[in-house]
C-alpha atoms as a PDB file:
ATOM      1  CA  MET A   1     -73.532 -10.561 -87.533  1.00  0.00           C
ATOM      2  CA  LYS A   2     -70.186 -12.254 -87.129  1.00  0.00           C
ATOM      3  CA  ASN A   3     -68.467  -9.485 -89.091  1.00  0.00           C
ATOM      4  CA  SER A   4     -69.989  -6.770 -86.905  1.00  0.00           C
ATOM      5  CA  THR A   5     -68.985  -8.627 -83.724  1.00  0.00           C
ATOM      6  CA  ALA A   6     -65.416  -9.080 -84.966  1.00  0.00           C
ATOM      7  CA  ARG A   7     -65.282  -5.425 -85.963  1.00  0.00           C
ATOM      8  CA  ALA A   8     -66.558  -4.345 -82.530  1.00  0.00           C
ATOM      9  CA  LYS A   9     -63.919  -6.483 -80.787  1.00  0.00           C
ATOM     10  CA  LYS A  10     -61.244  -4.986 -83.021  1.00  0.00           C
ATOM     11  CA  ILE A  11     -62.374  -1.456 -82.167  1.00  0.00           C
ATOM     12  CA  ILE A  12     -62.450  -2.256 -78.435  1.00  0.00           C
ATOM     13  CA  LYS A  13     -58.932  -3.709 -78.576  1.00  0.00           C
ATOM     14  CA  ARG A  14     -57.677  -0.630 -80.406  1.00  0.00           C
ATOM     15  CA  VAL A  15     -59.318   1.737 -77.892  1.00  0.00           C
ATOM     16  CA  VAL A  16     -57.863  -0.214 -74.952  1.00  0.00           C
ATOM     17  CA  LEU A  17     -54.429  -0.173 -76.591  1.00  0.00           C
ATOM     18  CA  ILE A  18     -54.624   3.591 -77.128  1.00  0.00           C
ATOM     19  CA  ILE A  19     -55.653   4.136 -73.494  1.00  0.00           C
ATOM     20  CA  VAL A  20     -52.789   1.958 -72.214  1.00  0.00           C
ATOM     21  CA  ILE A  21     -50.239   3.727 -74.436  1.00  0.00           C
ATOM     22  CA  PHE A  22     -51.565   7.119 -73.336  1.00  0.00           C
ATOM     23  CA  ALA A  23     -51.383   6.118 -69.649  1.00  0.00           C
ATOM     24  CA  ILE A  24     -47.803   4.833 -69.975  1.00  0.00           C
ATOM     25  CA  SER A  25     -46.773   7.962 -71.883  1.00  0.00           C
ATOM     26  CA  LEU A  26     -48.330  10.145 -69.192  1.00  0.00           C
ATOM     27  CA  ILE A  27     -46.455   8.263 -66.459  1.00  0.00           C
ATOM     28  CA  TRP A  28     -43.186   8.814 -68.325  1.00  0.00           C
ATOM     29  CA  LEU A  29     -43.937  12.484 -69.014  1.00  0.00           C
ATOM     30  CA  MET A  30     -45.167  13.472 -65.544  1.00  0.00           C
ATOM     31  CA  PRO A  31     -41.697  13.876 -63.948  1.00  0.00           C
ATOM     32  CA  MET A  32     -40.520  15.950 -66.917  1.00  0.00           C
ATOM     33  CA  LEU A  33     -43.618  18.147 -66.818  1.00  0.00           C
ATOM     34  CA  TRP A  34     -43.190  18.594 -63.068  1.00  0.00           C
ATOM     35  CA  ILE A  35     -39.573  19.703 -63.568  1.00  0.00           C
ATOM     36  CA  ILE A  36     -40.646  22.288 -66.154  1.00  0.00           C
ATOM     37  CA  SER A  37     -43.494  23.464 -63.929  1.00  0.00           C
ATOM     38  CA  THR A  38     -41.250  23.827 -60.861  1.00  0.00           C
ATOM     39  CA  SER A  39     -38.613  25.715 -62.864  1.00  0.00           C
ATOM     40  CA  LEU A  40     -41.213  28.444 -63.468  1.00  0.00           C
ATOM     41  CA  ARG A  41     -42.232  28.888 -59.822  1.00  0.00           C
ATOM     42  CA  LEU A  42     -41.088  31.174 -57.057  1.00  0.00           C
ATOM     43  CA  PRO A  43     -38.885  29.327 -54.528  1.00  0.00           C
ATOM     44  CA  THR A  44     -41.637  29.688 -51.918  1.00  0.00           C
ATOM     45  CA  GLN A  45     -44.115  27.974 -54.252  1.00  0.00           C
ATOM     46  CA  SER A  46     -41.909  24.920 -54.830  1.00  0.00           C
ATOM     47  CA  PHE A  47     -42.829  23.245 -51.542  1.00  0.00           C
ATOM     48  CA  THR A  48     -46.405  24.371 -51.000  1.00  0.00           C
ATOM     49  CA  LEU A  49     -48.871  21.821 -49.620  1.00  0.00           C
ATOM     50  CA  PRO A  50     -50.977  20.630 -51.246  1.00  0.00           C
ATOM     51  CA  PRO A  51     -48.756  20.957 -54.326  1.00  0.00           C
ATOM     52  CA  HIS A  52     -50.096  22.599 -57.467  1.00  0.00           C
ATOM     53  CA  PHE A  53     -49.155  21.125 -60.821  1.00  0.00           C
ATOM     54  CA  LEU A  54     -49.172  24.495 -62.587  1.00  0.00           C
ATOM     55  CA  PRO A  55     -47.603  27.602 -61.028  1.00  0.00           C
ATOM     56  CA  THR A  56     -49.955  30.460 -60.211  1.00  0.00           C
ATOM     57  CA  GLU A  57     -47.577  32.805 -62.020  1.00  0.00           C
ATOM     58  CA  PHE A  58     -44.751  32.051 -64.444  1.00  0.00           C
ATOM     59  CA  TYR A  59     -41.339  33.351 -63.322  1.00  0.00           C
ATOM     60  CA  TRP A  60     -39.135  33.236 -66.403  1.00  0.00           C
ATOM     61  CA  SER A  61     -36.493  35.131 -64.439  1.00  0.00           C
ATOM     62  CA  ASN A  62     -35.407  31.788 -62.928  1.00  0.00           C
ATOM     63  CA  TYR A  63     -33.783  30.971 -66.263  1.00  0.00           C
ATOM     64  CA  ALA A  64     -31.946  34.298 -66.342  1.00  0.00           C
ATOM     65  CA  LYS A  65     -30.691  33.751 -62.780  1.00  0.00           C
ATOM     66  CA  VAL A  66     -28.953  30.541 -63.884  1.00  0.00           C
ATOM     67  CA  PHE A  67     -26.635  32.660 -66.047  1.00  0.00           C
ATOM     68  CA  ASP A  68     -26.069  35.081 -63.146  1.00  0.00           C
ATOM     69  CA  ILE A  69     -25.046  32.349 -60.710  1.00  0.00           C
ATOM     70  CA  LEU A  70     -23.102  30.068 -63.095  1.00  0.00           C
ATOM     71  CA  PRO A  71     -20.963  30.434 -66.235  1.00  0.00           C
ATOM     72  CA  PHE A  72     -23.665  28.336 -67.899  1.00  0.00           C
ATOM     73  CA  LEU A  73     -22.549  29.095 -71.455  1.00  0.00           C
ATOM     74  CA  SER A  74     -19.011  27.942 -70.619  1.00  0.00           C
ATOM     75  CA  PHE A  75     -20.330  24.648 -69.239  1.00  0.00           C
ATOM     76  CA  LEU A  76     -22.583  24.295 -72.290  1.00  0.00           C
ATOM     77  CA  LYS A  77     -19.648  24.902 -74.633  1.00  0.00           C
ATOM     78  CA  ASN A  78     -17.539  22.262 -72.864  1.00  0.00           C
ATOM     79  CA  SER A  79     -20.369  19.710 -73.063  1.00  0.00           C
ATOM     80  CA  VAL A  80     -20.896  20.421 -76.767  1.00  0.00           C
ATOM     81  CA  ILE A  81     -17.162  20.065 -77.520  1.00  0.00           C
ATOM     82  CA  VAL A  82     -16.869  16.792 -75.604  1.00  0.00           C
ATOM     83  CA  THR A  83     -20.037  15.346 -77.137  1.00  0.00           C
ATOM     84  CA  VAL A  84     -19.412  16.400 -80.749  1.00  0.00           C
ATOM     85  CA  ILE A  85     -15.723  15.482 -80.930  1.00  0.00           C
ATOM     86  CA  GLY A  86     -16.058  12.340 -78.805  1.00  0.00           C
ATOM     87  CA  THR A  87     -19.045  11.011 -80.735  1.00  0.00           C
ATOM     88  CA  GLY A  88     -17.651  11.936 -84.155  1.00  0.00           C
ATOM     89  CA  VAL A  89     -14.253  10.318 -83.592  1.00  0.00           C
ATOM     90  CA  GLN A  90     -15.877   7.303 -81.955  1.00  0.00           C
ATOM     91  CA  ILE A  91     -18.168   6.680 -84.937  1.00  0.00           C
ATOM     92  CA  PHE A  92     -15.267   7.015 -87.379  1.00  0.00           C
ATOM     93  CA  ILE A  93     -12.996   4.612 -85.469  1.00  0.00           C
ATOM     94  CA  SER A  94     -15.811   2.191 -84.586  1.00  0.00           C
ATOM     95  CA  SER A  95     -17.064   2.003 -88.176  1.00  0.00           C
ATOM     96  CA  LEU A  96     -13.537   1.375 -89.480  1.00  0.00           C
ATOM     97  CA  ALA A  97     -12.950  -1.367 -86.899  1.00  0.00           C
ATOM     98  CA  ALA A  98     -16.368  -2.876 -87.640  1.00  0.00           C
ATOM     99  CA  TYR A  99     -15.581  -2.830 -91.373  1.00  0.00           C
ATOM    100  CA  ALA A 100     -12.318  -4.676 -90.745  1.00  0.00           C
ATOM    101  CA  PHE A 101     -13.997  -7.339 -88.592  1.00  0.00           C
ATOM    102  CA  ALA A 102     -16.944  -7.773 -90.977  1.00  0.00           C
ATOM    103  CA  ARG A 103     -15.431  -7.485 -94.478  1.00  0.00           C
ATOM    104  CA  ILE A 104     -11.695  -8.211 -94.263  1.00  0.00           C
ATOM    105  CA  ASP A 105     -10.140 -11.624 -93.628  1.00  0.00           C
ATOM    106  CA  PHE A 106      -6.972 -11.584 -91.523  1.00  0.00           C
ATOM    107  CA  PRO A 107      -5.266 -14.120 -89.217  1.00  0.00           C
ATOM    108  CA  GLY A 108      -6.927 -14.517 -85.820  1.00  0.00           C
ATOM    109  CA  LYS A 109      -9.893 -12.300 -86.695  1.00  0.00           C
ATOM    110  CA  LYS A 110     -12.398 -14.207 -84.547  1.00  0.00           C
ATOM    111  CA  VAL A 111     -10.012 -14.408 -81.598  1.00  0.00           C
ATOM    112  CA  TRP A 112      -9.226 -10.689 -81.760  1.00  0.00           C
ATOM    113  CA  PHE A 113     -12.924  -9.884 -81.982  1.00  0.00           C
ATOM    114  CA  ILE A 114     -13.704 -11.950 -78.870  1.00  0.00           C
ATOM    115  CA  VAL A 115     -10.816 -10.298 -77.011  1.00  0.00           C
ATOM    116  CA  PHE A 116     -12.067  -6.897 -78.111  1.00  0.00           C
ATOM    117  CA  LEU A 117     -15.634  -7.634 -77.015  1.00  0.00           C
ATOM    118  CA  SER A 118     -14.404  -8.714 -73.591  1.00  0.00           C
ATOM    119  CA  GLY A 119     -14.177  -4.995 -72.882  1.00  0.00           C
ATOM    120  CA  LEU A 120     -17.975  -5.027 -72.584  1.00  0.00           C
ATOM    121  CA  MET A 121     -17.661  -7.227 -69.491  1.00  0.00           C
ATOM    122  CA  ILE A 122     -15.451  -4.727 -67.636  1.00  0.00           C
ATOM    123  CA  PRO A 123     -17.405  -2.110 -65.631  1.00  0.00           C
ATOM    124  CA  ALA A 124     -16.416   1.463 -66.432  1.00  0.00           C
ATOM    125  CA  GLN A 125     -15.705   2.127 -62.749  1.00  0.00           C
ATOM    126  CA  VAL A 126     -12.931  -0.486 -62.762  1.00  0.00           C
ATOM    127  CA  THR A 127     -10.977   1.440 -65.398  1.00  0.00           C
ATOM    128  CA  VAL A 128     -11.187   4.838 -63.681  1.00  0.00           C
ATOM    129  CA  ILE A 129      -7.922   4.557 -61.728  1.00  0.00           C
ATOM    130  CA  PRO A 130      -5.842   3.376 -64.744  1.00  0.00           C
ATOM    131  CA  LYS A 131      -7.383   6.161 -66.851  1.00  0.00           C
ATOM    132  CA  PHE A 132      -6.646   8.707 -64.129  1.00  0.00           C
ATOM    133  CA  LEU A 133      -3.001   7.658 -63.888  1.00  0.00           C
ATOM    134  CA  MET A 134      -2.550   7.614 -67.669  1.00  0.00           C
ATOM    135  CA  LEU A 135      -4.147  11.033 -68.134  1.00  0.00           C
ATOM    136  CA  LYS A 136      -2.063  12.444 -65.309  1.00  0.00           C
ATOM    137  CA  GLY A 137       1.074  10.945 -66.842  1.00  0.00           C
ATOM    138  CA  VAL A 138       0.513  12.655 -70.202  1.00  0.00           C
ATOM    139  CA  GLY A 139      -0.592  15.935 -68.636  1.00  0.00           C
ATOM    140  CA  LEU A 140      -4.222  15.837 -69.803  1.00  0.00           C
ATOM    141  CA  LEU A 141      -5.872  15.775 -66.398  1.00  0.00           C
ATOM    142  CA  ASN A 142      -8.234  18.725 -65.795  1.00  0.00           C
ATOM    143  CA  THR A 143      -8.711  19.259 -69.533  1.00  0.00           C
ATOM    144  CA  ILE A 144     -11.678  18.398 -71.743  1.00  0.00           C
ATOM    145  CA  TRP A 145      -9.409  15.927 -73.571  1.00  0.00           C
ATOM    146  CA  ALA A 146      -9.544  13.817 -70.412  1.00  0.00           C
ATOM    147  CA  LEU A 147     -13.225  13.272 -71.240  1.00  0.00           C
ATOM    148  CA  ILE A 148     -12.852  12.903 -75.016  1.00  0.00           C
ATOM    149  CA  LEU A 149      -9.961  10.453 -75.397  1.00  0.00           C
ATOM    150  CA  PRO A 150     -11.333   7.638 -73.165  1.00  0.00           C
ATOM    151  CA  ALA A 151     -14.618   7.788 -75.118  1.00  0.00           C
ATOM    152  CA  ILE A 152     -13.321   7.304 -78.657  1.00  0.00           C
ATOM    153  CA  ILE A 153     -13.199   3.497 -78.433  1.00  0.00           C
ATOM    154  CA  ASP A 154     -16.451   1.691 -77.706  1.00  0.00           C
ATOM    155  CA  PRO A 155     -16.708  -2.114 -78.094  1.00  0.00           C
ATOM    156  CA  LEU A 156     -20.515  -1.989 -78.138  1.00  0.00           C
ATOM    157  CA  ALA A 157     -20.562   0.454 -81.070  1.00  0.00           C
ATOM    158  CA  ILE A 158     -18.119  -1.750 -82.983  1.00  0.00           C
ATOM    159  CA  PHE A 159     -20.244  -4.829 -82.284  1.00  0.00           C
ATOM    160  CA  LEU A 160     -23.484  -3.179 -83.455  1.00  0.00           C
ATOM    161  CA  LEU A 161     -21.948  -1.801 -86.642  1.00  0.00           C
ATOM    162  CA  ARG A 162     -20.184  -5.088 -87.417  1.00  0.00           C
ATOM    163  CA  GLN A 163     -23.450  -6.995 -87.117  1.00  0.00           C
ATOM    164  CA  ASN A 164     -25.088  -4.569 -89.531  1.00  0.00           C
ATOM    165  CA  MET A 165     -22.211  -4.806 -92.015  1.00  0.00           C
ATOM    166  CA  LEU A 166     -22.392  -8.601 -91.988  1.00  0.00           C
ATOM    167  CA  THR A 167     -25.906  -8.391 -93.450  1.00  0.00           C
ATOM    168  CA  ILE A 168     -24.677  -6.491 -96.527  1.00  0.00           C
ATOM    169  CA  PRO A 169     -23.943  -8.882 -99.437  1.00  0.00           C
ATOM    170  CA  LYS A 170     -20.272  -9.079-100.396  1.00  0.00           C
ATOM    171  CA  SER A 171     -21.272  -8.780-104.034  1.00  0.00           C
ATOM    172  CA  TYR A 172     -21.185  -5.013-103.497  1.00  0.00           C
ATOM    173  CA  ASP A 173     -17.495  -5.243-102.573  1.00  0.00           C
ATOM    174  CA  GLU A 174     -16.727  -7.508-105.519  1.00  0.00           C
ATOM    175  CA  SER A 175     -18.431  -5.165-107.995  1.00  0.00           C
ATOM    176  CA  ALA A 176     -16.538  -2.203-106.554  1.00  0.00           C
ATOM    177  CA  TYR A 177     -13.219  -4.096-106.787  1.00  0.00           C
ATOM    178  CA  MET A 178     -13.908  -4.776-110.457  1.00  0.00           C
ATOM    179  CA  ASP A 179     -14.424  -1.031-110.975  1.00  0.00           C
ATOM    180  CA  GLY A 180     -11.037  -0.320-109.390  1.00  0.00           C
ATOM    181  CA  ALA A 181     -12.173   0.852-105.944  1.00  0.00           C
ATOM    182  CA  GLY A 182      -9.929   0.262-102.932  1.00  0.00           C
ATOM    183  CA  ARG A 183     -10.997  -0.831 -99.462  1.00  0.00           C
ATOM    184  CA  PHE A 184     -11.345   2.681 -98.048  1.00  0.00           C
ATOM    185  CA  ARG A 185     -13.340   3.809-101.083  1.00  0.00           C
ATOM    186  CA  ILE A 186     -15.696   0.835-100.616  1.00  0.00           C
ATOM    187  CA  TYR A 187     -16.040   1.674 -96.927  1.00  0.00           C
ATOM    188  CA  ARG A 188     -16.658   5.368 -97.595  1.00  0.00           C
ATOM    189  CA  SER A 189     -18.924   5.147-100.637  1.00  0.00           C
ATOM    190  CA  ILE A 190     -20.828   1.873-100.124  1.00  0.00           C
ATOM    191  CA  ILE A 191     -20.688   0.333 -96.661  1.00  0.00           C
ATOM    192  CA  PHE A 192     -20.856   3.498 -94.537  1.00  0.00           C
ATOM    193  CA  PRO A 193     -23.944   4.945 -96.316  1.00  0.00           C
ATOM    194  CA  MET A 194     -25.732   1.572 -96.218  1.00  0.00           C
ATOM    195  CA  CYS A 195     -25.167   1.376 -92.453  1.00  0.00           C
ATOM    196  CA  MET A 196     -26.481   4.894 -91.843  1.00  0.00           C
ATOM    197  CA  PRO A 197     -29.526   3.843 -89.725  1.00  0.00           C
ATOM    198  CA  SER A 198     -27.275   1.853 -87.366  1.00  0.00           C
ATOM    199  CA  ILE A 199     -24.720   4.662 -87.325  1.00  0.00           C
ATOM    200  CA  VAL A 200     -27.427   7.129 -86.305  1.00  0.00           C
ATOM    201  CA  VAL A 201     -28.480   4.789 -83.478  1.00  0.00           C
ATOM    202  CA  VAL A 202     -24.875   4.661 -82.252  1.00  0.00           C
ATOM    203  CA  LEU A 203     -24.561   8.435 -82.666  1.00  0.00           C
ATOM    204  CA  VAL A 204     -27.640   9.214 -80.579  1.00  0.00           C
ATOM    205  CA  THR A 205     -26.947   6.686 -77.817  1.00  0.00           C
ATOM    206  CA  ARG A 206     -23.272   7.587 -77.440  1.00  0.00           C
ATOM    207  CA  ALA A 207     -23.974  11.327 -77.647  1.00  0.00           C
ATOM    208  CA  LEU A 208     -26.481  10.969 -74.805  1.00  0.00           C
ATOM    209  CA  VAL A 209     -23.954   9.018 -72.735  1.00  0.00           C
ATOM    210  CA  LEU A 210     -21.290  11.700 -73.188  1.00  0.00           C
ATOM    211  CA  TRP A 211     -23.723  14.566 -72.668  1.00  0.00           C
ATOM    212  CA  ASN A 212     -25.126  13.148 -69.423  1.00  0.00           C
ATOM    213  CA  ASP A 213     -21.857  11.742 -68.071  1.00  0.00           C
ATOM    214  CA  PHE A 214     -21.305  12.885 -64.501  1.00  0.00           C
ATOM    215  CA  PHE A 215     -18.948  10.275 -63.069  1.00  0.00           C
ATOM    216  CA  GLN A 216     -15.886  10.816 -65.272  1.00  0.00           C
ATOM    217  CA  PRO A 217     -15.976  14.641 -65.151  1.00  0.00           C
ATOM    218  CA  LEU A 218     -16.257  14.351 -61.369  1.00  0.00           C
ATOM    219  CA  ILE A 219     -13.035  12.294 -61.284  1.00  0.00           C
ATOM    220  CA  PHE A 220     -11.005  13.910 -64.073  1.00  0.00           C
ATOM    221  CA  ILE A 221     -12.065  17.578 -63.889  1.00  0.00           C
ATOM    222  CA  SER A 222     -11.525  19.853 -60.906  1.00  0.00           C
ATOM    223  CA  GLU A 223     -11.015  23.226 -62.600  1.00  0.00           C
ATOM    224  CA  TYR A 224     -14.167  25.318 -62.811  1.00  0.00           C
ATOM    225  CA  LYS A 225     -13.563  26.482 -66.389  1.00  0.00           C
ATOM    226  CA  ASN A 226     -13.422  22.902 -67.758  1.00  0.00           C
ATOM    227  CA  MET A 227     -16.576  21.575 -66.101  1.00  0.00           C
ATOM    228  CA  THR A 228     -19.391  20.146 -68.213  1.00  0.00           C
ATOM    229  CA  LEU A 229     -23.105  20.742 -67.645  1.00  0.00           C
ATOM    230  CA  PRO A 230     -23.843  17.740 -65.360  1.00  0.00           C
ATOM    231  CA  LEU A 231     -20.995  18.752 -63.062  1.00  0.00           C
ATOM    232  CA  GLY A 232     -21.899  22.435 -63.281  1.00  0.00           C
ATOM    233  CA  LEU A 233     -25.486  21.709 -62.267  1.00  0.00           C
ATOM    234  CA  THR A 234     -24.256  20.111 -59.048  1.00  0.00           C
ATOM    235  CA  VAL A 235     -22.478  23.394 -58.292  1.00  0.00           C
ATOM    236  CA  LEU A 236     -25.795  25.165 -58.864  1.00  0.00           C
ATOM    237  CA  LYS A 237     -27.505  22.671 -56.559  1.00  0.00           C
ATOM    238  CA  GLY A 238     -24.874  23.273 -53.882  1.00  0.00           C
ATOM    239  CA  GLN A 239     -25.387  27.018 -54.075  1.00  0.00           C
ATOM    240  CA  ALA A 240     -29.149  26.497 -53.800  1.00  0.00           C
ATOM    241  CA  GLU A 241     -28.636  24.473 -50.625  1.00  0.00           C
ATOM    242  CA  PHE A 242     -26.478  27.213 -49.090  1.00  0.00           C
ATOM    243  CA  GLY A 243     -28.890  30.036 -49.815  1.00  0.00           C
ATOM    244  CA  SER A 244     -27.645  31.712 -53.027  1.00  0.00           C
ATOM    245  CA  GLY A 245     -30.129  29.887 -55.257  1.00  0.00           C
ATOM    246  CA  SER A 246     -33.285  27.786 -55.143  1.00  0.00           C
ATOM    247  CA  ILE A 247     -34.653  24.500 -56.400  1.00  0.00           C
ATOM    248  CA  SER A 248     -36.567  26.420 -59.090  1.00  0.00           C
ATOM    249  CA  ILE A 249     -33.323  27.877 -60.444  1.00  0.00           C
ATOM    250  CA  VAL A 250     -31.638  24.459 -60.333  1.00  0.00           C
ATOM    251  CA  LEU A 251     -34.465  22.901 -62.333  1.00  0.00           C
ATOM    252  CA  ALA A 252     -34.353  25.797 -64.791  1.00  0.00           C
ATOM    253  CA  GLY A 253     -30.744  24.802 -65.464  1.00  0.00           C
ATOM    254  CA  VAL A 254     -31.814  21.170 -65.818  1.00  0.00           C
ATOM    255  CA  VAL A 255     -34.495  22.108 -68.363  1.00  0.00           C
ATOM    256  CA  MET A 256     -31.978  24.051 -70.465  1.00  0.00           C
ATOM    257  CA  SER A 257     -29.515  21.163 -70.276  1.00  0.00           C
ATOM    258  CA  PHE A 258     -31.899  18.628 -71.850  1.00  0.00           C
ATOM    259  CA  ILE A 259     -32.888  20.859 -74.792  1.00  0.00           C
ATOM    260  CA  PRO A 260     -29.845  19.907 -76.985  1.00  0.00           C
ATOM    261  CA  PRO A 261     -30.383  16.110 -76.599  1.00  0.00           C
ATOM    262  CA  LEU A 262     -34.070  16.606 -77.356  1.00  0.00           C
ATOM    263  CA  LEU A 263     -33.230  18.511 -80.548  1.00  0.00           C
ATOM    264  CA  LEU A 264     -30.772  15.764 -81.526  1.00  0.00           C
ATOM    265  CA  TYR A 265     -33.453  13.104 -81.109  1.00  0.00           C
ATOM    266  CA  ILE A 266     -35.984  15.112 -83.129  1.00  0.00           C
ATOM    267  CA  PHE A 267     -33.431  15.644 -85.900  1.00  0.00           C
ATOM    268  CA  CYS A 268     -32.507  11.923 -86.029  1.00  0.00           C
ATOM    269  CA  GLN A 269     -36.008  10.540 -85.450  1.00  0.00           C
ATOM    270  CA  LYS A 270     -36.590   9.350 -89.026  1.00  0.00           C
ATOM    271  CA  LYS A 271     -33.293   7.451 -89.135  1.00  0.00           C
ATOM    272  CA  LEU A 272     -34.003   5.883 -85.746  1.00  0.00           C
ATOM    273  CA  MET A 273     -37.407   4.713 -86.933  1.00  0.00           C
ATOM    274  CA  SER A 274     -35.943   3.299 -90.147  1.00  0.00           C
ATOM    275  CA  ALA A 275     -33.340   1.412 -88.089  1.00  0.00           C
ATOM    276  CA  THR A 276     -36.144  -0.091 -85.991  1.00  0.00           C
ATOM    277  CA  VAL A 277     -38.087  -1.109 -89.102  1.00  0.00           C
ATOM    278  CA  LEU A 278     -35.002  -2.678 -90.709  1.00  0.00           C
ATOM    279  CA  ALA A 279     -34.236  -4.620 -87.530  1.00  0.00           C
ATOM    280  CA  GLY A 280     -37.798  -5.948 -87.506  1.00  0.00           C
ATOM    281  CA  LEU A 281     -37.633  -6.988 -91.149  1.00  0.00           C
ATOM    282  CA  LYS A 282     -34.304  -8.783 -90.675  1.00  0.00           C
ATOM    283  CA  SER A 283     -35.563 -10.647 -87.625  1.00  0.00           C
END
């Protein structure tokens, strides 16, 4: 009797948990589903009352009109270049710096690390004017390099990777030294692969930041040909407000803009899950 009662309570708890998770997931998904639904409507159907969740007819031509109104592929190319180069260089530099702080002893290491981490306390908006003046001074304003170069150093990425590297026993380094490996060979062949789950976490988070960044392109980019997707979508929104587009076309552009980050997450999902599991085991 006791076993059946305990089993019934366990089943009830599991059912309640599933319902709660489903409800929370639905709340998170509803705005996204509404965006997709509205992107497939006629402009006149976007503001009908009472609103309908599903369009009465699917207008895929809204997606084609995005390419007619905007140089969407040019904006997409710029976003891909900024995200790929910025994230790749950032991971390389951050992992090297993290390796130095975690595995190499040098004078003032702790002090330098604290000074370096103080960059986390400075809001990004505070550094915009110095960045603007520096980029203007070297002639990189209104180029995609104005978005890439400020992104290649990230104190948070260095901190996360350093903390992961500190958990790796130094016996690996000692064994590699005995086999004649140098520091860079140890970093490349041992430490970097062992930190891959954390590196993937940094890759995904920083790639999303660069992909969705609107503030810095707004400040540093004024030429149409060098705009990224977030900035280009505001142009599309402006044209919709002045009659040459519609909210359905704007949301069609938004839907296409979040496909690459979604594919990145799907591709890196296993590594992200393994990073979560490892963090739980270490804690």
